[in-house]
Amino acid sequence: MKVPKQVNKYCPKCKAYKIHKVSQVKNKPRPKTKKGALGWGIRQMARISAGYGGFPRPKKPKTAKQSKKIAFVYECTECGRKHTKREPIRSKKIEQI
């Protein structure tokens, strides 16, 4: 996938369309110790799978994904504010032109 180095995008701080520099960031997996880690479902699963009984249902075989999700970070050239797109794109190779 070819991505330009500069894009004309809406800047939420300037509240106008400005030129942004484009850079890419690899998405990291969501940490387990954050907000949802003490949710009811996770506590329930920990209680069921504790002890010698093992996992309560058969585990699915893991299949590898073909590519990583890559998020783009846009930096406004006027104010320097950085923001991202909402949805990262799954792509094998990204080339900046």
C-alpha atoms as a PDB file:
ATOM      1  CA  MET A   1       0.000   0.000   0.000  1.00  0.00           C
ATOM      2  CA  LYS A   2       1.370   3.423  -0.927  1.00  0.00           C
ATOM      3  CA  VAL A   3       0.870   6.283   1.508  1.00  0.00           C
ATOM      4  CA  PRO A   4       1.820   9.931   0.895  1.00  0.00           C
ATOM      5  CA  LYS A   5       4.207  11.682   3.320  1.00  0.00           C
ATOM      6  CA  GLN A   6       1.916  14.718   3.621  1.00  0.00           C
ATOM      7  CA  VAL A   7      -1.884  14.841   3.512  1.00  0.00           C
ATOM      8  CA  ASN A   8      -4.420  17.655   3.692  1.00  0.00           C
ATOM      9  CA  LYS A   9      -6.609  16.649   6.683  1.00  0.00           C
ATOM     10  CA  TYR A  10      -8.926  18.234   9.218  1.00  0.00           C
ATOM     11  CA  CYS A  11      -7.123  19.337  12.395  1.00  0.00           C
ATOM     12  CA  PRO A  12      -9.387  19.193  15.481  1.00  0.00           C
ATOM     13  CA  LYS A  13      -7.309  21.814  17.319  1.00  0.00           C
ATOM     14  CA  CYS A  14      -7.095  24.379  14.477  1.00  0.00           C
ATOM     15  CA  LYS A  15     -10.668  23.480  13.380  1.00  0.00           C
ATOM     16  CA  ALA A  16      -9.652  23.754   9.734  1.00  0.00           C
ATOM     17  CA  TYR A  17      -8.078  21.669   6.984  1.00  0.00           C
ATOM     18  CA  LYS A  18      -4.273  21.826   7.234  1.00  0.00           C
ATOM     19  CA  ILE A  19      -1.330  19.856   5.843  1.00  0.00           C
ATOM     20  CA  HIS A  20      -0.361  16.920   8.087  1.00  0.00           C
ATOM     21  CA  LYS A  21       2.776  14.770   8.177  1.00  0.00           C
ATOM     22  CA  VAL A  22       1.992  11.045   8.047  1.00  0.00           C
ATOM     23  CA  SER A  23       3.875   8.451  10.097  1.00  0.00           C
ATOM     24  CA  GLN A  24       2.973   4.871  10.944  1.00  0.00           C
ATOM     25  CA  VAL A  25       2.683   3.136  14.304  1.00  0.00           C
ATOM     26  CA  LYS A  26       2.267  -0.569  14.970  1.00  0.00           C
ATOM     27  CA  ASN A  27      -0.680  -1.304  17.221  1.00  0.00           C
ATOM     28  CA  LYS A  28       0.232  -3.010  20.476  1.00  0.00           C
ATOM     29  CA  PRO A  29      -2.099  -5.573  22.062  1.00  0.00           C
ATOM     30  CA  ARG A  30      -4.423  -4.296  24.744  1.00  0.00           C
ATOM     31  CA  PRO A  31      -2.918  -4.814  28.214  1.00  0.00           C
ATOM     32  CA  LYS A  32      -4.741  -7.217  30.524  1.00  0.00           C
ATOM     33  CA  THR A  33      -4.176  -5.087  33.628  1.00  0.00           C
ATOM     34  CA  LYS A  34      -6.206  -2.134  32.373  1.00  0.00           C
ATOM     35  CA  LYS A  35      -9.859  -1.270  32.870  1.00  0.00           C
ATOM     36  CA  GLY A  36     -11.543  -4.519  31.788  1.00  0.00           C
ATOM     37  CA  ALA A  37      -9.260  -6.913  33.657  1.00  0.00           C
ATOM     38  CA  LEU A  38     -11.453  -6.959  36.771  1.00  0.00           C
ATOM     39  CA  GLY A  39     -14.709  -7.280  34.862  1.00  0.00           C
ATOM     40  CA  TRP A  40     -17.221  -9.939  35.870  1.00  0.00           C
ATOM     41  CA  GLY A  41     -16.525 -12.235  32.899  1.00  0.00           C
ATOM     42  CA  ILE A  42     -12.767 -12.300  33.486  1.00  0.00           C
ATOM     43  CA  ARG A  43     -13.239 -12.992  37.221  1.00  0.00           C
ATOM     44  CA  GLN A  44     -15.693 -15.784  36.374  1.00  0.00           C
ATOM     45  CA  MET A  45     -13.301 -17.349  33.861  1.00  0.00           C
ATOM     46  CA  ALA A  46     -10.429 -17.219  36.361  1.00  0.00           C
ATOM     47  CA  ARG A  47     -12.578 -18.938  38.981  1.00  0.00           C
ATOM     48  CA  ILE A  48     -13.693 -21.716  36.613  1.00  0.00           C
ATOM     49  CA  SER A  49     -10.225 -22.427  35.230  1.00  0.00           C
ATOM     50  CA  ALA A  50      -8.478 -22.346  38.633  1.00  0.00           C
ATOM     51  CA  GLY A  51      -7.313 -25.581  40.278  1.00  0.00           C
ATOM     52  CA  TYR A  52      -6.746 -28.985  38.702  1.00  0.00           C
ATOM     53  CA  GLY A  53      -9.846 -29.066  36.505  1.00  0.00           C
ATOM     54  CA  GLY A  54      -8.191 -27.378  33.565  1.00  0.00           C
ATOM     55  CA  PHE A  55      -9.863 -25.310  30.917  1.00  0.00           C
ATOM     56  CA  PRO A  56     -13.685 -25.546  30.976  1.00  0.00           C
ATOM     57  CA  ARG A  57     -14.109 -25.955  27.217  1.00  0.00           C
ATOM     58  CA  PRO A  58     -11.868 -27.136  24.370  1.00  0.00           C
ATOM     59  CA  LYS A  59      -9.333 -24.565  23.195  1.00  0.00           C
ATOM     60  CA  LYS A  60      -9.443 -23.364  19.600  1.00  0.00           C
ATOM     61  CA  PRO A  61      -6.307 -23.921  17.533  1.00  0.00           C
ATOM     62  CA  LYS A  62      -4.415 -20.661  17.055  1.00  0.00           C
ATOM     63  CA  THR A  63      -3.972 -19.471  13.495  1.00  0.00           C
ATOM     64  CA  ALA A  64      -1.452 -16.773  12.647  1.00  0.00           C
ATOM     65  CA  LYS A  65      -2.651 -13.571  11.052  1.00  0.00           C
ATOM     66  CA  GLN A  66      -1.106 -12.752   7.702  1.00  0.00           C
ATOM     67  CA  SER A  67      -0.297  -9.138   8.538  1.00  0.00           C
ATOM     68  CA  LYS A  68      -0.200  -6.618  11.401  1.00  0.00           C
ATOM     69  CA  LYS A  69      -2.630  -3.749  11.793  1.00  0.00           C
ATOM     70  CA  ILE A  70      -0.895  -0.454  11.171  1.00  0.00           C
ATOM     71  CA  ALA A  71      -2.245   2.842  12.461  1.00  0.00           C
ATOM     72  CA  PHE A  72      -1.314   6.166  10.909  1.00  0.00           C
ATOM     73  CA  VAL A  73      -0.432   9.172  13.055  1.00  0.00           C
ATOM     74  CA  TYR A  74      -1.102  12.569  11.528  1.00  0.00           C
ATOM     75  CA  GLU A  75       0.860  15.586  12.832  1.00  0.00           C
ATOM     76  CA  CYS A  76      -0.417  19.068  11.997  1.00  0.00           C
ATOM     77  CA  THR A  77       2.305  21.293  10.535  1.00  0.00           C
ATOM     78  CA  GLU A  78       0.650  24.444  11.980  1.00  0.00           C
ATOM     79  CA  CYS A  79       0.025  23.555  15.639  1.00  0.00           C
ATOM     80  CA  GLY A  80       1.970  20.274  16.007  1.00  0.00           C
ATOM     81  CA  ARG A  81      -1.028  18.316  17.325  1.00  0.00           C
ATOM     82  CA  LYS A  82      -0.920  14.562  16.624  1.00  0.00           C
ATOM     83  CA  HIS A  83      -4.012  12.456  16.040  1.00  0.00           C
ATOM     84  CA  THR A  84      -4.763   9.048  14.553  1.00  0.00           C
ATOM     85  CA  LYS A  85      -7.351   7.500  12.290  1.00  0.00           C
ATOM     86  CA  ARG A  86     -10.035   5.601  14.148  1.00  0.00           C
ATOM     87  CA  GLU A  87      -9.555   2.283  12.373  1.00  0.00           C
ATOM     88  CA  PRO A  88      -6.073   0.862  11.727  1.00  0.00           C
ATOM     89  CA  ILE A  89      -5.468  -0.791   8.347  1.00  0.00           C
ATOM     90  CA  ARG A  90      -4.312  -4.382   7.934  1.00  0.00           C
ATOM     91  CA  SER A  91      -1.559  -4.415   5.350  1.00  0.00           C
ATOM     92  CA  LYS A  92       1.589  -6.448   4.704  1.00  0.00           C
ATOM     93  CA  LYS A  93       3.734  -3.679   3.280  1.00  0.00           C
ATOM     94  CA  ILE A  94       3.446   0.100   3.540  1.00  0.00           C
ATOM     95  CA  GLU A  95       5.496   2.397   1.356  1.00  0.00           C
ATOM     96  CA  GLN A  96       5.612   6.177   1.775  1.00  0.00           C
ATOM     97  CA  ILE A  97       5.789   8.191  -1.440  1.00  0.00           C
END
